Amino acid sequence: THNLSLTFSLLWVSCSCSCLELQASTQLQFLELRQRLLYAEKENKKRSEELSHALDEIKHVVAKRMNSTTNHTDDMKWKGLNLTRKLPVHLTNMYYYLPHLREYEDAIFPNVIFGQQRTGVSLVMGIPTVKREKQHYLINTLHSLLYEFSEEQKNDCVIIIFVAEVSLQYVNSVAESVKTSFPREIQSGVLEVISPPASYYPDLSNLKQTFGDSEDRVRWRTKQNLDYSFLMLYAQPKGTFYLQLEDDIIAKPDYIQRIKNFAAKQSQEWMILEFSQLGFIGKLFKSEDLPLIVDFFLMFYKDKPIDWLIDHLLWVKVCNPEKDAIHCEKEKAKLRIRAKPSLFQHVGTYSSLAGKIQNLKDKDFGKNVLHKAHNNPPAKVDTSLRIYQKYTLEKVYKGKDYLWASAPVAGDYISLTFLNPLKVEKYLFRSGNMEHPGDKLFNTTVEVLPADEMLRKEIVENGSKFNYPATKDGYLKIGAFENGIAEGSINQSIGKIQAIRLSVNSDSPVWAILSEVSMLIKAI
């Protein structure tokens, strides 16, 4: 019995020692990791001045070389600027975690297909996109993000579309699609399209399978980590804040202002502001923090998905191994602050991972506002459009719903005839909505019919004496839809208006939604 007791005592002592050694070893590893992060943070701050200087040189060279936007990839490669050694992406840490980069001089320089090298903005948005087997969502996502954008907002942001593929044919096809849909935004520099060199990616075969994930899923999430890292490094010097988005979302119309308001009212230091509860959608970072974050991603890019890595980074920064999980969560919550309601909703069904169906929805996003009501004067409404289901012209005019019709053709019209002639000061017609932002009216004019019959007769016989073109039936063309919106003031010398008409001048490739109609009537 004595020997048995002694044996158990020795076993207990041995086990205790082993546990203590394991705990001490674990704490030592976390302390070492913390020291590495602090060092990386210090180094990255030191490099920010180099970054700013390099960007100034890039802008100077680009301004000389770019007379107009072009879709020739080779012409726009940063390597053509001969600034390879001056760019901050020569970070030694990047070469350490991705050693294959040492063999390829240009592997860290993006191909800039479209871009005006805009910098100094408040907000930079990053959208990675890849080839999907079935449905594509990028253009609708961009329509949603740019919906109701003011000129001031357009001038103070840049949206970077990162086509994370190495097939130049596919990259250029995406770029052309974006340019066709958003020519003004490309020309002004609001939108940029970039892609990575093929040599940026390491060999992604024979990755270690973890967490029960298949080989394909491990490869997919590993590449995704590399894609986020590349995009963040490119975006970092362009603005004050960086917003991470995906290519299959919709946004609330006033998301920009809400983000700015929420960020401005934060009284404590933060690292992430979350505007969606899903994955890596709607995550706002300070641009100055991005080098440290990318460093961490690259340390563990083969080990875990991106949203797990972000959580681990927060753990390393603020959690004490000697305290419990509840204390850790409270500390992390100080750096990771959630905004409600959500400003972004996931709409994609087919994941970028082949064969994966993803029906994720953010419950905090709320109900989409798909039309806007106004108190319009009584009128008889009529249209030649082929109306879809219950979405009629009468409903949008009365503010009860939106109009939705199959693709308009040349000669189609929407007519609003006032029951009593009125002096209309201003008008507004908005096409498209949050869920279908691309269903806009294109090449459509706004026309008014003067109530004065003598004036109408004169317009038909002699043409307009006003500064507006005239139609053969006595209407005056006072405006047109631009980027889905027609709005303006009406020359009051025309007098009272009998009717307003929207005339479609060419066949449309898409269906049309009219989500807002507003008439400002002059008080008598």
Protein backbone atom coordinates (compact mmCIF):
# COMPACT_ATOMS: atom_id res chain seq x y z
CA THR A 1 0.00 0.00 0.00
CA HIS A 2 2.86 2.34 0.90
CA ASN A 3 4.55 1.66 -2.44
CA LEU A 4 1.28 2.22 -4.34
CA SER A 5 0.73 5.56 -2.56
CA LEU A 6 4.27 6.61 -3.36
CA THR A 7 3.78 5.69 -7.00
CA PHE A 8 0.58 7.78 -7.28
CA SER A 9 2.33 10.71 -5.57
CA LEU A 10 5.16 10.56 -8.03
CA LEU A 11 2.75 10.34 -10.94
CA TRP A 12 0.82 13.37 -9.65
CA VAL A 13 3.99 15.39 -9.20
CA SER A 14 5.18 14.37 -12.68
CA CYS A 15 1.83 15.30 -14.24
CA SER A 16 1.75 18.64 -12.42
CA CYS A 17 5.22 19.45 -13.59
CA SER A 18 4.33 18.55 -17.17
CA CYS A 19 1.20 20.73 -17.08
CA LEU A 20 3.14 23.63 -15.59
CA GLU A 21 5.85 23.22 -18.22
CA LEU A 22 3.19 23.12 -20.96
CA GLN A 23 1.49 26.24 -19.59
CA ALA A 24 4.82 28.03 -19.29
CA SER A 25 5.74 27.01 -22.84
CA THR A 26 2.39 28.22 -24.18
CA GLN A 27 2.70 31.57 -22.42
CA LEU A 28 6.25 31.93 -23.71
CA GLN A 29 5.04 31.30 -27.28
CA PHE A 30 2.33 33.96 -26.96
CA LEU A 31 4.84 36.43 -25.49
CA GLU A 32 7.21 35.77 -28.38
CA LEU A 33 4.36 36.24 -30.84
CA ARG A 34 3.35 39.50 -29.15
CA GLN A 35 6.95 40.74 -29.38
CA ARG A 36 7.03 39.88 -33.08
CA LEU A 37 3.83 41.84 -33.67
CA LEU A 38 5.11 44.85 -31.74
CA TYR A 39 8.30 44.79 -33.78
CA ALA A 40 6.32 44.49 -37.00
CA GLU A 41 4.13 47.40 -35.95
CA LYS A 42 7.16 49.55 -35.26
CA GLU A 43 8.77 48.63 -38.58
CA ASN A 44 5.61 49.32 -40.56
CA LYS A 45 5.20 52.78 -39.04
CA LYS A 46 8.77 53.51 -40.04
CA ARG A 47 7.98 52.48 -43.59
CA SER A 48 4.91 54.68 -43.92
CA GLU A 49 7.11 57.68 -44.78
CA GLU A 50 8.78 55.64 -47.52
CA LEU A 51 5.29 54.70 -48.69
CA SER A 52 4.16 58.31 -48.97
CA HIS A 53 7.32 59.33 -50.80
CA ALA A 54 6.99 56.43 -53.25
CA LEU A 55 3.36 57.22 -53.96
CA ASP A 56 4.23 60.83 -54.76
CA GLU A 57 6.78 59.59 -57.29
CA ILE A 58 4.29 57.14 -58.79
CA LYS A 59 1.64 59.85 -59.18
CA HIS A 60 4.20 62.10 -60.87
CA VAL A 61 5.23 59.42 -63.37
CA VAL A 62 1.66 58.25 -64.00
CA ALA A 63 0.51 61.82 -64.64
CA LYS A 64 3.11 62.08 -67.39
CA ARG A 65 2.35 58.73 -68.96
CA MET A 66 -1.44 58.59 -68.78
CA ASN A 67 -3.26 60.90 -71.17
CA SER A 68 -6.40 58.78 -71.06
CA THR A 69 -7.66 55.58 -69.47
CA THR A 70 -6.69 52.45 -71.40
CA ASN A 71 -7.48 48.79 -71.05
CA HIS A 72 -4.05 47.59 -72.09
CA THR A 73 -2.73 45.76 -69.07
CA ASP A 74 0.95 45.85 -70.01
CA ASP A 75 0.87 49.65 -70.42
CA MET A 76 -0.41 50.06 -66.90
CA LYS A 77 1.87 47.71 -65.00
CA TRP A 78 3.61 49.38 -62.12
CA LYS A 79 6.85 47.69 -63.09
CA GLY A 80 6.85 49.92 -66.16
CA LEU A 81 7.33 52.89 -63.88
CA ASN A 82 10.82 51.74 -62.87
CA LEU A 83 10.04 52.29 -59.21
CA THR A 84 10.44 48.69 -58.07
CA ARG A 85 13.06 49.33 -55.42
CA LYS A 86 11.35 52.41 -54.05
CA LEU A 87 7.92 50.90 -53.43
CA PRO A 88 7.10 49.87 -49.86
CA VAL A 89 5.94 46.45 -50.95
CA HIS A 90 9.58 45.38 -50.69
CA LEU A 91 8.71 44.68 -47.04
CA THR A 92 11.18 42.09 -45.79
CA ASN A 93 8.42 40.41 -43.80
CA MET A 94 6.49 39.67 -47.01
CA TYR A 95 9.54 38.00 -48.53
CA TYR A 96 10.03 36.05 -45.32
CA TYR A 97 6.52 34.60 -45.30
CA LEU A 98 6.39 34.16 -49.08
CA PRO A 99 10.02 33.25 -49.91
CA HIS A 100 9.20 32.39 -53.54
CA LEU A 101 8.77 36.15 -54.15
CA ARG A 102 12.55 36.57 -54.03
CA GLU A 103 12.75 34.78 -57.37
CA TYR A 104 10.29 37.12 -59.11
CA GLU A 105 11.15 40.81 -59.11
CA ASP A 106 7.68 41.98 -60.12
CA ALA A 107 5.52 39.51 -58.21
CA ILE A 108 4.40 42.12 -55.70
CA PHE A 109 3.38 44.76 -58.23
CA PRO A 110 -0.24 44.81 -59.37
CA ASN A 111 -1.38 45.05 -62.95
CA VAL A 112 -3.43 48.26 -62.99
CA ILE A 113 -5.92 47.76 -65.79
CA PHE A 114 -7.94 50.89 -65.03
CA GLY A 115 -7.06 53.56 -62.51
CA GLN A 116 -6.14 57.20 -62.07
CA GLN A 117 -3.92 56.57 -59.02
CA ARG A 118 -6.26 58.53 -56.77
CA THR A 119 -4.92 59.11 -53.24
CA GLY A 120 -5.72 61.31 -50.25
CA VAL A 121 -9.35 60.20 -49.92
CA SER A 122 -11.24 59.47 -46.71
CA LEU A 123 -12.46 56.01 -47.67
CA VAL A 124 -10.97 53.23 -49.77
CA MET A 125 -13.18 50.22 -50.51
CA GLY A 126 -11.67 46.90 -51.55
CA ILE A 127 -13.63 44.28 -53.50
CA PRO A 128 -11.90 41.02 -54.39
CA THR A 129 -13.61 39.07 -57.17
CA VAL A 130 -12.88 35.69 -58.72
CA LYS A 131 -14.32 33.56 -61.48
CA ARG A 132 -17.47 31.74 -60.40
CA GLU A 133 -18.89 28.63 -62.00
CA LYS A 134 -22.40 30.03 -62.30
CA GLN A 135 -23.79 33.43 -61.39
CA HIS A 136 -21.73 36.64 -61.23
CA TYR A 137 -22.68 39.51 -58.93
CA LEU A 138 -19.97 42.16 -59.32
CA ILE A 139 -21.78 44.65 -61.57
CA ASN A 140 -24.92 44.62 -59.42
CA THR A 141 -22.74 45.08 -56.33
CA LEU A 142 -21.11 48.15 -57.89
CA HIS A 143 -24.50 49.54 -58.92
CA SER A 144 -25.63 49.20 -55.30
CA LEU A 145 -22.48 50.83 -53.87
CA LEU A 146 -22.73 53.77 -56.29
CA TYR A 147 -26.50 54.18 -55.90
CA GLU A 148 -27.38 57.72 -54.75
CA PHE A 149 -23.69 58.67 -54.52
CA SER A 150 -23.25 62.44 -54.27
CA GLU A 151 -20.46 64.21 -56.18
CA GLU A 152 -18.79 65.01 -52.88
CA GLN A 153 -18.77 61.35 -51.92
CA LYS A 154 -17.45 60.32 -55.34
CA ASN A 155 -14.57 62.76 -54.97
CA ASP A 156 -13.64 61.48 -51.51
CA CYS A 157 -13.47 57.73 -52.06
CA VAL A 158 -12.04 55.06 -54.33
CA ILE A 159 -13.37 51.57 -54.97
CA ILE A 160 -10.71 49.01 -55.91
CA ILE A 161 -11.86 45.92 -57.78
CA PHE A 162 -9.22 43.24 -57.34
CA VAL A 163 -9.69 40.54 -60.00
CA ALA A 164 -7.89 37.75 -58.18
CA GLU A 165 -7.21 35.63 -61.26
CA VAL A 166 -4.11 35.18 -63.40
CA SER A 167 -5.86 34.61 -66.74
CA LEU A 168 -5.39 37.90 -68.61
CA GLN A 169 -8.33 37.06 -70.85
CA TYR A 170 -10.65 36.75 -67.86
CA VAL A 171 -9.19 39.79 -66.07
CA ASN A 172 -9.64 41.97 -69.16
CA SER A 173 -13.20 40.70 -69.68
CA VAL A 174 -14.12 41.76 -66.13
CA ALA A 175 -12.39 45.11 -66.60
CA GLU A 176 -14.25 45.77 -69.86
CA SER A 177 -17.55 44.85 -68.23
CA VAL A 178 -16.88 47.37 -65.44
CA LYS A 179 -15.81 50.05 -67.92
CA THR A 180 -18.92 49.51 -70.07
CA SER A 181 -21.23 49.80 -67.06
CA PHE A 182 -19.39 52.67 -65.32
CA PRO A 183 -17.41 54.71 -67.88
CA ARG A 184 -17.59 57.97 -65.90
CA GLU A 185 -16.50 56.37 -62.65
CA ILE A 186 -13.54 54.73 -64.41
CA GLN A 187 -12.55 57.99 -66.08
CA SER A 188 -12.83 60.03 -62.89
CA GLY A 189 -10.87 57.54 -60.78
CA VAL A 190 -13.69 56.47 -58.45
CA LEU A 191 -13.25 52.90 -59.72
CA GLU A 192 -9.96 51.08 -60.17
CA VAL A 193 -9.46 47.58 -61.55
CA ILE A 194 -6.29 45.68 -60.68
CA SER A 195 -5.05 42.09 -60.81
CA PRO A 196 -2.07 40.18 -59.36
CA PRO A 197 0.86 38.81 -61.36
CA ALA A 198 0.75 35.00 -61.65
CA SER A 199 4.07 34.82 -59.81
CA TYR A 200 2.53 36.35 -56.66
CA TYR A 201 0.94 33.06 -55.64
CA PRO A 202 3.07 30.27 -54.14
CA ASP A 203 2.48 26.60 -54.92
CA LEU A 204 -0.92 25.85 -53.38
CA SER A 205 -0.82 22.10 -53.91
CA ASN A 206 -0.08 19.70 -51.07
CA LEU A 207 -1.37 22.06 -48.38
CA LYS A 208 -1.96 20.53 -44.97
CA GLN A 209 -5.64 19.72 -44.45
CA THR A 210 -6.98 21.07 -41.16
CA PHE A 211 -10.30 21.40 -39.34
CA GLY A 212 -11.85 18.67 -41.47
CA ASP A 213 -11.74 20.84 -44.60
CA SER A 214 -11.34 19.23 -47.99
CA GLU A 215 -8.22 19.81 -50.07
CA ASP A 216 -10.16 22.18 -52.35
CA ARG A 217 -11.51 24.18 -49.43
CA VAL A 218 -8.07 24.52 -47.81
CA ARG A 219 -6.64 25.74 -51.13
CA TRP A 220 -9.56 28.17 -51.57
CA ARG A 221 -9.28 29.73 -48.10
CA THR A 222 -5.46 29.90 -48.36
CA LYS A 223 -5.62 31.78 -51.66
CA GLN A 224 -8.33 34.02 -50.20
CA ASN A 225 -5.95 35.05 -47.39
CA LEU A 226 -3.31 35.93 -49.97
CA ASP A 227 -5.86 37.89 -52.02
CA TYR A 228 -6.94 40.00 -49.04
CA SER A 229 -3.31 40.69 -48.16
CA PHE A 230 -2.41 41.85 -51.68
CA LEU A 231 -5.48 44.08 -51.93
CA MET A 232 -4.92 45.66 -48.51
CA LEU A 233 -1.28 46.48 -49.25
CA TYR A 234 -2.26 48.16 -52.53
CA ALA A 235 -5.09 50.12 -50.87
CA GLN A 236 -3.17 51.17 -47.75
CA PRO A 237 -1.56 54.43 -48.97
CA LYS A 238 -4.66 55.71 -50.75
CA GLY A 239 -6.85 56.92 -47.89
CA THR A 240 -7.57 57.29 -44.19
CA PHE A 241 -9.89 54.29 -43.80
CA TYR A 242 -10.16 50.96 -45.58
CA LEU A 243 -13.50 49.13 -45.96
CA GLN A 244 -13.40 45.44 -46.81
CA LEU A 245 -16.29 44.29 -48.99
CA GLU A 246 -17.21 41.30 -51.18
CA ASP A 247 -18.45 41.10 -54.77
CA ASP A 248 -21.91 39.72 -53.93
CA ILE A 249 -23.55 42.26 -51.64
CA ILE A 250 -26.01 45.14 -51.60
CA ALA A 251 -25.58 48.30 -49.55
CA LYS A 252 -27.99 50.68 -47.86
CA PRO A 253 -28.23 53.89 -49.92
CA ASP A 254 -26.73 56.13 -47.20
CA TYR A 255 -23.98 53.73 -46.09
CA ILE A 256 -21.12 56.20 -46.63
CA GLN A 257 -22.53 58.84 -44.31
CA ARG A 258 -23.50 56.27 -41.69
CA ILE A 259 -19.99 54.85 -41.67
CA LYS A 260 -18.44 58.29 -41.26
CA ASN A 261 -20.87 59.19 -38.46
CA PHE A 262 -20.25 55.95 -36.58
CA ALA A 263 -16.46 56.24 -36.88
CA ALA A 264 -16.53 59.89 -35.75
CA LYS A 265 -18.41 59.18 -32.53
CA GLN A 266 -15.99 56.52 -31.26
CA SER A 267 -14.34 57.80 -28.11
CA GLN A 268 -11.94 54.90 -27.59
CA GLU A 269 -9.18 53.33 -29.63
CA TRP A 270 -10.53 50.72 -32.03
CA MET A 271 -9.11 48.38 -34.63
CA ILE A 272 -12.21 47.16 -36.50
CA LEU A 273 -15.64 48.70 -36.97
CA GLU A 274 -18.12 46.12 -38.24
CA PHE A 275 -21.02 47.10 -40.49
CA SER A 276 -22.14 43.53 -41.17
CA GLN A 277 -22.16 40.49 -38.94
CA LEU A 278 -21.22 38.16 -41.81
CA GLY A 279 -17.69 36.90 -42.48
CA PHE A 280 -15.34 39.58 -43.78
CA ILE A 281 -18.05 41.87 -45.22
CA GLY A 282 -18.27 45.51 -44.14
CA LYS A 283 -15.18 45.59 -41.94
CA LEU A 284 -13.63 49.06 -41.55
CA PHE A 285 -9.95 49.46 -40.66
CA LYS A 286 -7.65 52.43 -40.18
CA SER A 287 -5.27 52.39 -43.13
CA GLU A 288 -2.34 52.89 -40.79
CA ASP A 289 -3.13 49.50 -39.19
CA LEU A 290 -3.18 47.54 -42.45
CA PRO A 291 0.55 46.66 -42.64
CA LEU A 292 0.39 45.04 -39.20
CA ILE A 293 -2.81 43.19 -40.10
CA VAL A 294 -1.34 41.93 -43.38
CA ASP A 295 1.77 40.80 -41.53
CA PHE A 296 -0.39 38.67 -39.27
CA PHE A 297 -2.38 37.25 -42.19
CA LEU A 298 0.81 36.24 -43.95
CA MET A 299 2.23 34.59 -40.84
CA PHE A 300 -0.67 32.15 -40.76
CA TYR A 301 -2.18 32.31 -44.27
CA LYS A 302 -1.99 28.51 -44.67
CA ASP A 303 -3.43 27.73 -41.26
CA LYS A 304 -6.86 29.31 -40.81
CA PRO A 305 -9.62 31.28 -42.59
CA ILE A 306 -9.43 35.08 -42.64
CA ASP A 307 -12.17 35.78 -40.08
CA TRP A 308 -10.50 33.42 -37.59
CA LEU A 309 -7.14 35.13 -38.11
CA ILE A 310 -8.65 38.54 -37.34
CA ASP A 311 -10.04 37.17 -34.09
CA HIS A 312 -6.65 35.68 -33.18
CA LEU A 313 -4.91 38.98 -33.91
CA LEU A 314 -7.21 40.71 -31.42
CA TRP A 315 -6.50 37.94 -28.91
CA VAL A 316 -2.76 38.49 -29.22
CA LYS A 317 -3.13 42.25 -28.83
CA VAL A 318 -5.34 42.42 -25.74
CA CYS A 319 -6.00 39.04 -24.09
CA ASN A 320 -4.16 37.94 -20.97
CA PRO A 321 -3.42 34.17 -20.92
CA GLU A 322 -3.73 34.25 -17.13
CA LYS A 323 -7.34 35.45 -17.26
CA ASP A 324 -10.51 33.70 -18.42
CA ALA A 325 -12.31 33.74 -21.78
CA ILE A 326 -14.98 36.17 -20.56
CA HIS A 327 -12.35 38.80 -19.75
CA CYS A 328 -10.73 38.17 -23.14
CA GLU A 329 -14.02 38.70 -25.02
CA LYS A 330 -14.61 41.98 -23.18
CA GLU A 331 -11.15 43.23 -24.10
CA LYS A 332 -11.55 42.22 -27.75
CA ALA A 333 -14.93 43.97 -27.90
CA LYS A 334 -13.14 47.25 -27.14
CA LEU A 335 -11.15 46.92 -30.36
CA ARG A 336 -13.88 45.31 -32.47
CA ILE A 337 -17.03 47.43 -32.36
CA ARG A 338 -20.28 46.38 -34.04
CA ALA A 339 -22.63 48.90 -35.66
CA LYS A 340 -26.35 48.19 -35.94
CA PRO A 341 -28.31 47.95 -38.12
CA SER A 342 -26.03 46.36 -40.71
CA LEU A 343 -25.26 48.41 -43.81
CA PHE A 344 -24.43 45.49 -46.11
CA GLN A 345 -26.33 42.35 -47.02
CA HIS A 346 -24.98 39.21 -48.64
CA VAL A 347 -27.00 38.33 -51.77
CA GLY A 348 -24.88 35.72 -53.54
CA THR A 349 -26.04 32.13 -53.63
CA TYR A 350 -23.15 30.51 -55.48
CA SER A 351 -19.88 30.74 -53.56
CA SER A 352 -16.52 31.38 -55.19
CA LEU A 353 -15.68 27.89 -53.86
CA ALA A 354 -16.84 25.56 -56.62
CA GLY A 355 -19.97 23.60 -55.72
CA LYS A 356 -20.70 25.53 -52.53
CA ILE A 357 -24.18 27.02 -52.07
CA GLN A 358 -24.19 29.89 -49.58
CA ASN A 359 -27.52 31.27 -48.40
CA LEU A 360 -26.10 33.55 -45.72
CA LYS A 361 -28.25 36.52 -44.72
CA ASP A 362 -27.56 39.26 -42.18
CA LYS A 363 -30.61 39.48 -39.91
CA ASP A 364 -29.55 42.94 -38.72
CA PHE A 365 -29.73 44.42 -42.23
CA GLY A 366 -33.48 44.98 -41.97
CA LYS A 367 -36.01 45.33 -44.75
CA ASN A 368 -34.86 46.89 -47.99
CA VAL A 369 -36.42 50.23 -48.92
CA LEU A 370 -37.17 49.68 -52.59
CA HIS A 371 -39.15 52.84 -53.40
CA LYS A 372 -39.55 56.37 -52.09
CA ALA A 373 -42.93 58.07 -51.71
CA HIS A 374 -43.84 61.68 -52.52
CA ASN A 375 -47.11 63.60 -52.40
CA ASN A 376 -47.59 64.11 -56.14
CA PRO A 377 -50.52 66.07 -57.68
CA PRO A 378 -53.50 64.14 -59.12
CA ALA A 379 -52.77 62.84 -62.60
CA LYS A 380 -53.80 60.26 -65.16
CA VAL A 381 -50.93 57.84 -65.73
CA ASP A 382 -50.23 55.75 -68.81
CA THR A 383 -47.36 53.68 -70.19
CA SER A 384 -46.50 51.40 -73.10
CA LEU A 385 -44.06 49.42 -70.97
CA ARG A 386 -44.80 45.75 -70.35
CA ILE A 387 -45.47 45.78 -66.61
CA TYR A 388 -44.27 42.89 -64.44
CA GLN A 389 -46.88 41.51 -62.03
CA LYS A 390 -48.14 44.10 -59.50
CA TYR A 391 -45.42 46.71 -60.05
CA THR A 392 -47.49 49.37 -61.85
CA LEU A 393 -46.93 52.99 -62.82
CA GLU A 394 -49.86 54.10 -60.68
CA LYS A 395 -48.25 52.61 -57.56
CA VAL A 396 -44.92 54.37 -57.99
CA TYR A 397 -46.63 57.70 -58.74
CA LYS A 398 -48.69 57.40 -55.55
CA GLY A 399 -45.68 56.20 -53.52
CA LYS A 400 -47.08 52.75 -52.75
CA ASP A 401 -44.52 50.60 -54.60
CA TYR A 402 -42.16 50.75 -57.59
CA LEU A 403 -42.75 50.24 -61.29
CA TRP A 404 -41.03 47.21 -62.82
CA ALA A 405 -41.20 46.36 -66.51
CA SER A 406 -39.48 44.08 -68.99
CA ALA A 407 -36.74 45.61 -71.17
CA PRO A 408 -37.99 48.86 -72.79
CA VAL A 409 -37.71 49.34 -76.54
CA ALA A 410 -37.36 52.47 -78.64
CA GLY A 411 -40.66 54.34 -78.70
CA ASP A 412 -41.83 53.24 -75.25
CA TYR A 413 -43.13 55.96 -72.98
CA ILE A 414 -44.39 56.85 -69.51
CA SER A 415 -47.00 59.62 -69.46
CA LEU A 416 -48.28 61.69 -66.53
CA THR A 417 -51.19 63.99 -67.44
CA PHE A 418 -52.26 66.37 -64.67
CA LEU A 419 -55.98 66.62 -63.99
CA ASN A 420 -55.45 70.38 -63.71
CA PRO A 421 -52.57 72.18 -65.46
CA LEU A 422 -49.84 73.11 -62.98
CA LYS A 423 -46.71 75.21 -62.68
CA VAL A 424 -44.04 72.58 -62.01
CA GLU A 425 -40.82 74.00 -60.57
CA LYS A 426 -38.71 70.82 -60.30
CA TYR A 427 -38.95 67.15 -61.18
CA LEU A 428 -37.15 63.95 -60.11
CA PHE A 429 -37.32 60.46 -61.61
CA ARG A 430 -35.12 57.71 -60.14
CA SER A 431 -34.73 54.31 -61.79
CA GLY A 432 -33.36 51.13 -60.24
CA ASN A 433 -33.47 50.26 -56.53
CA MET A 434 -31.37 48.56 -53.88
CA GLU A 435 -32.17 44.99 -54.89
CA HIS A 436 -31.99 45.63 -58.63
CA PRO A 437 -29.72 48.68 -58.98
CA GLY A 438 -28.88 47.85 -62.61
CA ASP A 439 -32.51 47.97 -63.80
CA LYS A 440 -32.27 51.58 -64.93
CA LEU A 441 -33.71 53.70 -67.71
CA PHE A 442 -31.15 54.41 -70.42
CA ASN A 443 -31.29 56.92 -73.30
CA THR A 444 -34.60 58.26 -72.02
CA THR A 445 -35.66 61.91 -72.26
CA VAL A 446 -37.95 63.98 -70.03
CA GLU A 447 -40.51 66.01 -71.97
CA VAL A 448 -43.22 68.48 -70.92
CA LEU A 449 -46.41 69.54 -72.69
CA PRO A 450 -47.32 73.23 -72.16
CA ALA A 451 -50.96 73.77 -71.17
CA ASP A 452 -51.23 76.81 -73.49
CA GLU A 453 -52.68 75.49 -76.75
CA MET A 454 -51.44 78.49 -78.75
CA LEU A 455 -47.93 77.88 -77.46
CA ARG A 456 -48.15 74.19 -78.38
CA LYS A 457 -49.31 75.09 -81.90
CA GLU A 458 -46.42 77.54 -82.27
CA ILE A 459 -43.95 74.88 -81.09
CA VAL A 460 -45.26 72.40 -83.67
CA GLU A 461 -45.22 74.90 -86.54
CA ASN A 462 -42.15 77.01 -85.82
CA GLY A 463 -40.14 75.06 -83.23
CA SER A 464 -39.36 76.02 -79.68
CA LYS A 465 -38.63 79.60 -78.74
CA PHE A 466 -37.25 78.29 -75.47
CA ASN A 467 -33.89 76.74 -74.93
CA TYR A 468 -35.36 73.24 -75.32
CA PRO A 469 -35.65 70.99 -78.40
CA ALA A 470 -39.26 70.37 -79.48
CA THR A 471 -41.06 67.21 -80.57
CA LYS A 472 -43.50 66.96 -83.46
CA ASP A 473 -46.46 66.69 -81.06
CA GLY A 474 -45.67 69.85 -79.11
CA TYR A 475 -43.61 68.55 -76.20
CA LEU A 476 -40.39 70.24 -75.05
CA LYS A 477 -37.38 68.05 -74.19
CA ILE A 478 -36.23 69.47 -70.86
CA GLY A 479 -33.90 66.73 -69.58
CA ALA A 480 -32.63 63.17 -69.79
CA PHE A 481 -31.66 60.25 -67.56
CA GLU A 482 -28.04 60.13 -66.49
CA ASN A 483 -26.81 57.13 -64.52
CA GLY A 484 -30.43 56.17 -63.84
CA ILE A 485 -31.62 59.58 -62.61
CA ALA A 486 -33.42 62.48 -64.28
CA GLU A 487 -33.85 65.66 -62.26
CA GLY A 488 -33.93 69.37 -62.89
CA SER A 489 -35.81 72.66 -62.87
CA ILE A 490 -38.35 73.79 -65.46
CA ASN A 491 -38.20 77.20 -67.11
CA GLN A 492 -41.14 79.05 -65.58
CA SER A 493 -41.72 81.09 -68.74
CA ILE A 494 -43.22 77.93 -70.27
CA GLY A 495 -46.17 78.51 -67.98
CA LYS A 496 -48.44 75.77 -66.72
CA ILE A 497 -47.71 72.16 -67.65
CA GLN A 498 -50.41 69.81 -68.90
CA ALA A 499 -48.33 66.62 -68.98
CA ILE A 500 -44.86 65.15 -68.41
CA ARG A 501 -43.59 62.28 -70.53
CA LEU A 502 -40.58 59.96 -70.39
CA SER A 503 -39.62 58.81 -73.89
CA VAL A 504 -37.34 55.80 -74.48
CA ASN A 505 -35.12 56.43 -77.52
CA SER A 506 -33.38 53.06 -77.90
CA ASP A 507 -33.81 49.42 -76.97
CA SER A 508 -32.58 48.56 -73.47
CA PRO A 509 -30.62 45.40 -72.64
CA VAL A 510 -32.11 45.23 -69.13
CA TRP A 511 -35.45 45.47 -67.39
CA ALA A 512 -36.47 48.85 -65.96
CA ILE A 513 -37.50 49.94 -62.49
CA LEU A 514 -38.89 53.37 -61.64
CA SER A 515 -38.57 53.69 -57.88
CA GLU A 516 -39.16 57.40 -57.24
CA VAL A 517 -41.27 60.12 -58.87
CA SER A 518 -41.39 63.63 -57.42
CA MET A 519 -43.00 66.86 -58.67
CA LEU A 520 -42.40 70.16 -56.90
CA ILE A 521 -45.39 72.38 -57.65
CA LYS A 522 -45.11 76.17 -57.44
CA ALA A 523 -47.39 77.60 -54.77
CA ILE A 524 -50.00 80.02 -56.09
